[in-house]
Amino acid sequence: LINQASTFVKPNGRFVVILPSDLEKLFLDTCMMYHFTLECQLKIFTRLGKASKRCIFAMKHTIEPIEPAYEELILTNDSDNKRTLAYEQLTSEFYL
């Protein structure tokens, strides 16, 4: 994936991918070898207090240092098992 992205993404271009959280270190280490720098990472939690299962990575094709943004998204509240407002806002355009 990263090798192919390096051939298609122009300098200073971006690509975004969703991966299981346990692949975070391997993915970021491999990206560095192909001159991709982390621009933003969003950790997705199904419930508050649980471990993150997925991460969204926004990578920029550059060797220049970037101060990455780290964010978290919790999908459901523990108390009532309903979707959080942040999740509703993020996905509102995907559901009719």
C-alpha atoms as a PDB file:
ATOM      1  CA  LEU A   1       0.000   0.000   0.000  1.00  0.00           C
ATOM      2  CA  ILE A   2       2.644   2.513   1.030  1.00  0.00           C
ATOM      3  CA  ASN A   3       4.969   1.589  -1.815  1.00  0.00           C
ATOM      4  CA  GLN A   4       2.162   2.144  -4.337  1.00  0.00           C
ATOM      5  CA  ALA A   5       1.110   5.385  -2.652  1.00  0.00           C
ATOM      6  CA  SER A   6       4.649   6.691  -2.979  1.00  0.00           C
ATOM      7  CA  THR A   7       4.459   6.274  -6.771  1.00  0.00           C
ATOM      8  CA  PHE A   8       1.037   7.933  -7.147  1.00  0.00           C
ATOM      9  CA  VAL A   9       1.037  10.673  -4.509  1.00  0.00           C
ATOM     10  CA  LYS A  10       2.796  13.843  -5.653  1.00  0.00           C
ATOM     11  CA  PRO A  11       5.283  15.664  -3.400  1.00  0.00           C
ATOM     12  CA  ASN A  12       3.340  17.373  -0.589  1.00  0.00           C
ATOM     13  CA  GLY A  13       0.293  15.279  -1.556  1.00  0.00           C
ATOM     14  CA  ARG A  14      -1.705  13.326   0.995  1.00  0.00           C
ATOM     15  CA  PHE A  15      -3.259   9.936   1.451  1.00  0.00           C
ATOM     16  CA  VAL A  16      -5.561   8.767   4.211  1.00  0.00           C
ATOM     17  CA  VAL A  17      -6.079   5.215   5.417  1.00  0.00           C
ATOM     18  CA  ILE A  18      -8.026   3.425   8.167  1.00  0.00           C
ATOM     19  CA  LEU A  19      -6.159   0.568   9.830  1.00  0.00           C
ATOM     20  CA  PRO A  20      -6.437  -1.609  12.929  1.00  0.00           C
ATOM     21  CA  SER A  21      -4.769   0.138  15.883  1.00  0.00           C
ATOM     22  CA  ASP A  22      -2.341  -2.717  16.464  1.00  0.00           C
ATOM     23  CA  LEU A  23      -0.651  -1.900  13.120  1.00  0.00           C
ATOM     24  CA  GLU A  24       0.091   1.712  14.111  1.00  0.00           C
ATOM     25  CA  LYS A  25       3.836   1.377  14.776  1.00  0.00           C
ATOM     26  CA  LEU A  26       4.539  -0.842  11.757  1.00  0.00           C
ATOM     27  CA  PHE A  27       2.558   1.476   9.469  1.00  0.00           C
ATOM     28  CA  LEU A  28       4.234   4.678  10.683  1.00  0.00           C
ATOM     29  CA  ASP A  29       7.727   3.141  10.561  1.00  0.00           C
ATOM     30  CA  THR A  30       7.133   1.924   7.013  1.00  0.00           C
ATOM     31  CA  CYS A  31       5.742   5.305   5.938  1.00  0.00           C
ATOM     32  CA  MET A  32       8.948   7.014   7.054  1.00  0.00           C
ATOM     33  CA  MET A  33      10.950   4.781   4.699  1.00  0.00           C
ATOM     34  CA  TYR A  34       8.860   6.113   1.785  1.00  0.00           C
ATOM     35  CA  HIS A  35       9.055   9.776   2.869  1.00  0.00           C
ATOM     36  CA  PHE A  36       5.531  10.014   4.257  1.00  0.00           C
ATOM     37  CA  THR A  37       5.050  12.055   7.411  1.00  0.00           C
ATOM     38  CA  LEU A  38       2.130  11.783   9.805  1.00  0.00           C
ATOM     39  CA  GLU A  39      -0.114  14.828   9.482  1.00  0.00           C
ATOM     40  CA  CYS A  40      -3.078  13.682  11.588  1.00  0.00           C
ATOM     41  CA  GLN A  41      -4.042  10.577  13.538  1.00  0.00           C
ATOM     42  CA  LEU A  42      -7.575   9.907  14.742  1.00  0.00           C
ATOM     43  CA  LYS A  43      -7.959   7.041  17.209  1.00  0.00           C
ATOM     44  CA  ILE A  44     -11.437   5.523  17.161  1.00  0.00           C
ATOM     45  CA  PHE A  45     -12.864   4.054  20.361  1.00  0.00           C
ATOM     46  CA  THR A  46     -16.089   2.050  20.321  1.00  0.00           C
ATOM     47  CA  ARG A  47     -16.730   2.910  23.989  1.00  0.00           C
ATOM     48  CA  LEU A  48     -15.197   5.143  26.613  1.00  0.00           C
ATOM     49  CA  GLY A  49     -12.590   3.232  28.596  1.00  0.00           C
ATOM     50  CA  LYS A  50     -12.021   0.571  25.917  1.00  0.00           C
ATOM     51  CA  ALA A  51      -8.885   0.258  23.799  1.00  0.00           C
ATOM     52  CA  SER A  52      -8.835   1.843  20.359  1.00  0.00           C
ATOM     53  CA  LYS A  53      -9.577  -0.684  17.610  1.00  0.00           C
ATOM     54  CA  ARG A  54      -9.078   1.528  14.532  1.00  0.00           C
ATOM     55  CA  CYS A  55      -7.009   4.550  13.565  1.00  0.00           C
ATOM     56  CA  ILE A  56      -7.327   6.956  10.680  1.00  0.00           C
ATOM     57  CA  PHE A  57      -3.953   8.165   9.460  1.00  0.00           C
ATOM     58  CA  ALA A  58      -3.490  11.210   7.228  1.00  0.00           C
ATOM     59  CA  MET A  59      -0.029  11.062   5.687  1.00  0.00           C
ATOM     60  CA  LYS A  60       1.785  13.776   3.728  1.00  0.00           C
ATOM     61  CA  HIS A  61       4.416  12.923   1.104  1.00  0.00           C
ATOM     62  CA  THR A  62       7.243  15.067   2.445  1.00  0.00           C
ATOM     63  CA  ILE A  63      10.428  14.760   4.450  1.00  0.00           C
ATOM     64  CA  GLU A  64       9.862  18.135   6.088  1.00  0.00           C
ATOM     65  CA  PRO A  65       8.965  17.932   9.770  1.00  0.00           C
ATOM     66  CA  ILE A  66       5.281  18.404  10.576  1.00  0.00           C
ATOM     67  CA  GLU A  67       3.649  18.789  13.979  1.00  0.00           C
ATOM     68  CA  PRO A  68       0.956  16.098  13.711  1.00  0.00           C
ATOM     69  CA  ALA A  69      -2.518  16.483  15.160  1.00  0.00           C
ATOM     70  CA  TYR A  70      -3.674  13.701  17.459  1.00  0.00           C
ATOM     71  CA  GLU A  71      -7.402  13.297  17.955  1.00  0.00           C
ATOM     72  CA  GLU A  72      -9.807  10.763  19.455  1.00  0.00           C
ATOM     73  CA  LEU A  73     -13.369   9.792  18.562  1.00  0.00           C
ATOM     74  CA  ILE A  74     -15.620   7.833  20.902  1.00  0.00           C
ATOM     75  CA  LEU A  75     -18.502   6.170  19.075  1.00  0.00           C
ATOM     76  CA  THR A  76     -20.962   5.396  21.882  1.00  0.00           C
ATOM     77  CA  ASN A  77     -21.664   6.532  25.424  1.00  0.00           C
ATOM     78  CA  ASP A  78     -21.320   3.886  28.105  1.00  0.00           C
ATOM     79  CA  SER A  79     -24.349   5.038  30.058  1.00  0.00           C
ATOM     80  CA  ASP A  80     -27.031   4.760  27.369  1.00  0.00           C
ATOM     81  CA  ASN A  81     -25.213   2.966  24.510  1.00  0.00           C
ATOM     82  CA  LYS A  82     -26.210   5.756  22.091  1.00  0.00           C
ATOM     83  CA  ARG A  83     -23.939   7.317  19.500  1.00  0.00           C
ATOM     84  CA  THR A  84     -21.970  10.335  20.664  1.00  0.00           C
ATOM     85  CA  LEU A  85     -22.682  13.757  19.191  1.00  0.00           C
ATOM     86  CA  ALA A  86     -19.188  13.827  17.641  1.00  0.00           C
ATOM     87  CA  TYR A  87     -19.877  10.524  15.870  1.00  0.00           C
ATOM     88  CA  GLU A  88     -23.297  11.701  14.675  1.00  0.00           C
ATOM     89  CA  GLN A  89     -21.782  14.875  13.222  1.00  0.00           C
ATOM     90  CA  LEU A  90     -18.936  13.015  11.529  1.00  0.00           C
ATOM     91  CA  THR A  91     -21.168  10.451   9.850  1.00  0.00           C
ATOM     92  CA  SER A  92     -24.293  12.530   9.205  1.00  0.00           C
ATOM     93  CA  GLU A  93     -23.541  12.853   5.490  1.00  0.00           C
ATOM     94  CA  PHE A  94     -23.181   9.091   5.069  1.00  0.00           C
ATOM     95  CA  TYR A  95     -26.603   8.116   6.408  1.00  0.00           C
ATOM     96  CA  LEU A  96     -29.918   9.158   4.936  1.00  0.00           C
END
